[in-house]
Amino acid sequence: MSFTADWLALREPYDAHARNREVLAAVAAVFADRSGMTIVDLACGTGSTLRALRPHLAPRQSWRLVDNDLGLLARSAGGTHPAFASITTIPIDLARDLEAALDGPVDLVTASALLDLVSAPWLERFVVETAARRLPVYVALNYDGRAALEPADPFDQMIIAAVNRHQRRDKGFGAALGPAAAATAIAQFAAVQYTVIQGISDWVVGPDDRDMQNEILSGWAGAARELTDLASAEIIEWLARRRDLVAAGRSRLRVGHVDFFARPIGLR
């Protein structure tokens, strides 16, 4: 599954604001005495994780940006980067070739908005492969199924429930874990002797954020319609009501996410 560059650009400021500061601080503390390090970013998109994490890490950084979308990879390597940041883009289908992405010298593995798309077998493989290499893992912005809309509409909870069912459909890795992904990953890392620090990283989308609200609401309505277990007319009417609230500057959204940093026990 791939996302458009326009959507990734729209969501990036909300992602940056949502990232859990305590989890980021824990990542920074582990690498505080490093002068240089190598980071592998899985499903990098346009490079938002690099931009968010770079100020918190060692002065000299080597980034390996991994994605199967060549257009997004090209964008991730573009723009202005500090002279101390080395960036390599690597086209890999993570569903098939995860191990290739992790091979070689690596100090930290990162990913954002990825784990809720993957299957249980893929996640287990990810945990096994990173643990076998004793690699610390920073994973951010995992959707956890929580969503709140203000003011409330009688149909909101039916839409959110439909979205959460849709999240479990195949996103390219097999049947997705969806909202259960973060909790499952945290438990699995703990089981392989990792210390895990976690925290919420919710999107908070206010009345002035009309473009973001409309994009989220349209995506939710589309997901609900794909399931076909809710009447299309009811979904369309719900979307119209919510868009009217957005246009009137009366709508707020909160979308639940979880960040975590997992590191092998014994790694400071």
Protein backbone atom coordinates (compact mmCIF):
# COMPACT_ATOMS: atom_id res chain seq x y z
CA MET A 1 0.00 0.00 0.00
CA SER A 2 1.25 3.49 -0.85
CA PHE A 3 0.05 6.99 -0.02
CA THR A 4 0.03 10.10 -2.19
CA ALA A 5 2.65 12.76 -1.70
CA ASP A 6 -0.13 15.33 -1.22
CA TRP A 7 -1.63 13.38 1.68
CA LEU A 8 1.78 12.90 3.29
CA ALA A 9 2.49 16.63 2.99
CA LEU A 10 -0.89 17.51 4.51
CA ARG A 11 -0.47 15.22 7.51
CA GLU A 12 3.20 15.92 8.26
CA PRO A 13 2.66 19.00 10.49
CA TYR A 14 0.07 17.09 12.51
CA ASP A 15 2.42 14.13 12.80
CA ALA A 16 5.24 16.39 13.93
CA HIS A 17 3.08 18.00 16.60
CA ALA A 18 1.70 14.64 17.76
CA ARG A 19 4.99 12.76 18.18
CA ASN A 20 5.40 11.89 21.82
CA ARG A 21 8.12 14.04 23.38
CA GLU A 22 9.01 11.57 26.13
CA VAL A 23 9.55 8.80 23.60
CA LEU A 24 11.68 11.13 21.45
CA ALA A 25 13.70 12.08 24.53
CA ALA A 26 14.31 8.40 25.30
CA VAL A 27 15.66 7.86 21.78
CA ALA A 28 17.90 10.91 22.09
CA ALA A 29 19.25 9.80 25.48
CA VAL A 30 20.39 6.41 24.18
CA PHE A 31 22.45 8.04 21.43
CA ALA A 32 23.54 11.17 23.31
CA ASP A 33 27.22 10.20 23.39
CA ARG A 34 27.44 9.23 19.72
CA SER A 35 29.20 11.47 17.22
CA GLY A 36 27.76 9.53 14.29
CA MET A 37 25.17 6.84 13.58
CA THR A 38 23.27 4.99 10.85
CA ILE A 39 19.48 4.97 10.78
CA VAL A 40 17.23 2.79 8.61
CA ASP A 41 13.77 4.28 8.06
CA LEU A 42 11.21 1.75 6.85
CA ALA A 43 8.36 2.89 4.58
CA CYS A 44 9.93 6.33 4.59
CA GLY A 45 7.40 8.07 2.35
CA THR A 46 8.72 11.56 1.65
CA GLY A 47 11.13 11.51 4.61
CA SER A 48 9.03 12.91 7.46
CA THR A 49 10.67 10.68 10.08
CA LEU A 50 14.09 11.93 9.04
CA ARG A 51 12.96 15.54 9.37
CA ALA A 52 11.34 14.92 12.75
CA LEU A 53 14.12 12.83 14.30
CA ARG A 54 17.27 14.41 12.85
CA PRO A 55 17.53 17.23 15.44
CA HIS A 56 17.45 14.69 18.28
CA LEU A 57 20.31 12.45 17.13
CA ALA A 58 24.08 12.45 16.76
CA PRO A 59 25.74 15.28 14.82
CA ARG A 60 26.74 13.03 11.91
CA GLN A 61 23.92 10.88 10.55
CA SER A 62 23.70 8.35 7.75
CA TRP A 63 20.09 7.64 6.72
CA ARG A 64 18.95 4.69 4.64
CA LEU A 65 15.45 5.51 3.43
CA VAL A 66 13.46 2.44 2.39
CA ASP A 67 10.22 2.40 0.40
CA ASN A 68 8.71 0.59 -2.57
CA ASP A 69 7.29 3.79 -4.10
CA LEU A 70 9.94 5.28 -6.36
CA GLY A 71 8.15 8.61 -6.59
CA LEU A 72 8.09 9.02 -2.82
CA LEU A 73 11.70 7.90 -2.55
CA ALA A 74 12.75 10.59 -5.00
CA ARG A 75 10.98 13.20 -2.90
CA SER A 76 12.53 11.89 0.31
CA ALA A 77 16.03 12.50 -1.03
CA GLY A 78 15.18 15.95 -2.35
CA GLY A 79 15.19 19.24 -0.52
CA THR A 80 17.91 20.77 1.60
CA HIS A 81 19.77 18.58 4.06
CA PRO A 82 22.66 19.49 6.38
CA ALA A 83 26.13 18.57 5.21
CA PHE A 84 26.45 16.09 8.08
CA ALA A 85 23.45 14.06 6.91
CA SER A 86 24.18 11.32 4.39
CA ILE A 87 21.04 10.02 2.67
CA THR A 88 20.67 6.85 0.61
CA THR A 89 17.36 5.76 -0.89
CA ILE A 90 16.68 2.04 -1.21
CA PRO A 91 13.71 0.65 -3.19
CA ILE A 92 12.53 -2.45 -1.31
CA ASP A 93 9.22 -4.25 -1.01
CA LEU A 94 9.11 -4.65 2.76
CA ALA A 95 6.43 -7.31 2.57
CA ARG A 96 8.91 -9.55 0.81
CA ASP A 97 12.42 -8.30 1.57
CA LEU A 98 12.41 -6.90 5.11
CA GLU A 99 15.68 -8.63 5.95
CA ALA A 100 17.50 -6.84 3.12
CA ALA A 101 16.46 -3.50 4.59
CA LEU A 102 18.01 -4.39 7.96
CA ASP A 103 21.29 -5.86 6.74
CA GLY A 104 24.58 -4.06 7.22
CA PRO A 105 25.72 -1.64 9.94
CA VAL A 106 22.65 -0.12 11.62
CA ASP A 107 22.30 1.76 14.91
CA LEU A 108 18.57 2.49 14.87
CA VAL A 109 15.49 1.32 12.95
CA THR A 110 12.62 3.77 12.53
CA ALA A 111 9.15 3.75 11.00
CA SER A 112 6.13 6.01 11.12
CA ALA A 113 2.49 5.16 10.39
CA LEU A 114 3.48 1.65 9.32
CA LEU A 115 2.69 -1.02 11.90
CA ASP A 116 -1.10 -0.65 11.78
CA LEU A 117 -0.86 -1.68 8.10
CA VAL A 118 1.07 -4.92 8.63
CA SER A 119 -0.04 -8.45 9.40
CA ALA A 120 0.62 -10.47 12.54
CA PRO A 121 3.14 -12.76 10.77
CA TRP A 122 4.99 -9.75 9.33
CA LEU A 123 5.15 -8.03 12.72
CA GLU A 124 6.50 -11.18 14.35
CA ARG A 125 9.12 -11.39 11.62
CA PHE A 126 10.03 -7.73 12.18
CA VAL A 127 10.49 -8.28 15.91
CA VAL A 128 12.52 -11.45 15.39
CA GLU A 129 14.80 -9.87 12.79
CA THR A 130 15.47 -6.68 14.75
CA ALA A 131 15.98 -8.61 17.99
CA ALA A 132 18.39 -11.03 16.30
CA ARG A 133 20.48 -8.00 15.29
CA ARG A 134 20.03 -6.30 18.71
CA LEU A 135 18.68 -3.19 17.01
CA PRO A 136 16.82 -0.42 18.83
CA VAL A 137 13.49 0.46 17.20
CA TYR A 138 11.61 3.76 17.20
CA VAL A 139 8.10 3.41 15.77
CA ALA A 140 5.72 6.36 15.74
CA LEU A 141 2.16 7.27 14.87
CA ASN A 142 0.56 3.84 15.06
CA TYR A 143 -3.23 4.24 14.86
CA ASP A 144 -4.82 2.55 17.88
CA GLY A 145 -8.54 2.73 17.09
CA ARG A 146 -9.45 5.72 19.23
CA ALA A 147 -11.24 8.64 17.60
CA ALA A 148 -13.39 11.45 18.94
CA LEU A 149 -15.41 14.04 17.05
CA GLU A 150 -16.95 17.24 18.40
CA PRO A 151 -19.77 18.02 18.32
CA ALA A 152 -20.95 14.43 18.35
CA ASP A 153 -23.19 12.99 15.64
CA PRO A 154 -25.37 9.90 16.27
CA PHE A 155 -23.64 8.10 13.39
CA ASP A 156 -20.05 8.84 14.46
CA GLN A 157 -19.47 5.64 16.40
CA MET A 158 -20.77 3.47 13.57
CA ILE A 159 -18.34 5.15 11.17
CA ILE A 160 -15.41 4.76 13.58
CA ALA A 161 -16.25 1.09 14.13
CA ALA A 162 -16.37 0.59 10.35
CA VAL A 163 -13.01 2.33 9.95
CA ASN A 164 -11.48 0.04 12.56
CA ARG A 165 -12.84 -3.02 10.76
CA HIS A 166 -11.46 -1.68 7.49
CA GLN A 167 -8.06 -1.18 9.13
CA ARG A 168 -7.81 -4.96 9.48
CA ARG A 169 -8.10 -5.59 5.75
CA ASP A 170 -5.04 -6.49 3.67
CA LYS A 171 -2.85 -3.43 3.12
CA GLY A 172 -0.17 -5.30 1.21
CA PHE A 173 1.23 -7.41 4.06
CA GLY A 174 -1.72 -9.76 4.61
CA ALA A 175 -4.64 -9.18 6.98
CA ALA A 176 -3.60 -6.09 8.91
CA LEU A 177 -3.38 -5.81 12.69
CA GLY A 178 -4.89 -2.33 12.47
CA PRO A 179 -5.65 -0.79 15.88
CA ALA A 180 -4.07 -3.76 17.71
CA ALA A 181 -0.66 -3.29 16.10
CA ALA A 182 1.07 -1.09 18.67
CA ALA A 183 -0.01 -3.12 21.70
CA THR A 184 0.96 -6.34 19.92
CA ALA A 185 4.38 -5.00 18.97
CA ILE A 186 5.09 -3.69 22.46
CA ALA A 187 4.22 -7.07 23.98
CA GLN A 188 6.38 -8.92 21.47
CA PHE A 189 9.41 -6.70 22.05
CA ALA A 190 9.03 -7.12 25.81
CA ALA A 191 8.96 -10.89 25.28
CA VAL A 192 12.37 -10.80 23.55
CA GLN A 193 14.02 -8.89 26.41
CA TYR A 194 13.57 -5.35 25.14
CA THR A 195 12.79 -2.33 27.28
CA VAL A 196 9.88 -0.39 25.81
CA ILE A 197 8.93 3.23 26.40
CA GLN A 198 5.57 4.22 24.98
CA GLY A 199 3.27 7.22 24.86
CA ILE A 200 0.25 8.55 23.03
CA SER A 201 0.76 10.65 19.90
CA ASP A 202 -2.76 11.71 19.00
CA TRP A 203 -3.62 13.98 16.13
CA VAL A 204 -5.48 17.01 17.46
CA VAL A 205 -7.27 18.68 14.56
CA GLY A 206 -9.00 21.96 15.35
CA PRO A 207 -11.70 24.10 13.76
CA ASP A 208 -9.21 25.98 11.57
CA ASP A 209 -7.74 22.76 10.14
CA ARG A 210 -10.43 22.39 7.51
CA ASP A 211 -8.35 20.65 4.84
CA MET A 212 -7.09 18.02 7.26
CA GLN A 213 -10.54 17.44 8.73
CA ASN A 214 -12.16 17.07 5.32
CA GLU A 215 -9.46 14.65 4.17
CA ILE A 216 -9.84 12.48 7.27
CA LEU A 217 -13.62 12.48 7.10
CA SER A 218 -13.64 11.65 3.39
CA GLY A 219 -11.20 8.80 4.01
CA TRP A 220 -13.35 7.42 6.80
CA ALA A 221 -16.49 7.62 4.67
CA GLY A 222 -14.70 5.85 1.81
CA ALA A 223 -13.49 3.09 4.12
CA ALA A 224 -16.99 2.61 5.52
CA ARG A 225 -18.48 2.39 2.02
CA GLU A 226 -15.92 -0.23 0.95
CA LEU A 227 -17.16 -2.56 3.69
CA THR A 228 -20.75 -2.39 2.36
CA ASP A 229 -22.27 -3.22 5.76
CA LEU A 230 -23.55 0.33 6.28
CA ALA A 231 -26.05 1.96 3.96
CA SER A 232 -24.34 4.25 1.44
CA ALA A 233 -27.05 6.88 1.86
CA GLU A 234 -26.44 7.03 5.63
CA ILE A 235 -22.68 7.39 5.10
CA ILE A 236 -23.17 10.17 2.55
CA GLU A 237 -25.59 12.01 4.83
CA TRP A 238 -23.17 11.67 7.77
CA LEU A 239 -20.31 13.06 5.68
CA ALA A 240 -22.45 16.00 4.55
CA ARG A 241 -23.38 16.83 8.16
CA ARG A 242 -19.79 16.67 9.31
CA ARG A 243 -18.56 18.76 6.38
CA ASP A 244 -21.14 21.40 7.25
CA LEU A 245 -19.71 21.54 10.77
CA VAL A 246 -16.19 21.85 9.37
CA ALA A 247 -17.24 24.68 7.06
CA ALA A 248 -18.90 26.47 9.98
CA GLY A 249 -15.71 26.20 12.08
CA ARG A 250 -17.48 24.07 14.68
CA SER A 251 -15.72 20.73 14.25
CA ARG A 252 -12.83 19.15 16.14
CA LEU A 253 -11.22 15.74 15.71
CA ARG A 254 -8.88 13.70 17.85
CA VAL A 255 -7.37 10.56 16.32
CA GLY A 256 -5.52 8.16 18.59
CA HIS A 257 -1.96 7.06 17.90
CA VAL A 258 0.82 5.45 19.93
CA ASP A 259 4.61 5.90 19.70
CA PHE A 260 7.15 3.57 21.25
CA PHE A 261 10.89 3.08 21.54
CA ALA A 262 12.11 -0.48 22.08
CA ARG A 263 15.73 -1.18 22.92
CA PRO A 264 17.54 -4.35 23.95
CA ILE A 265 18.00 -4.69 27.68
CA GLY A 266 21.57 -3.70 28.44
CA LEU A 267 21.68 -0.98 25.81
CA ARG A 268 21.87 2.28 27.74
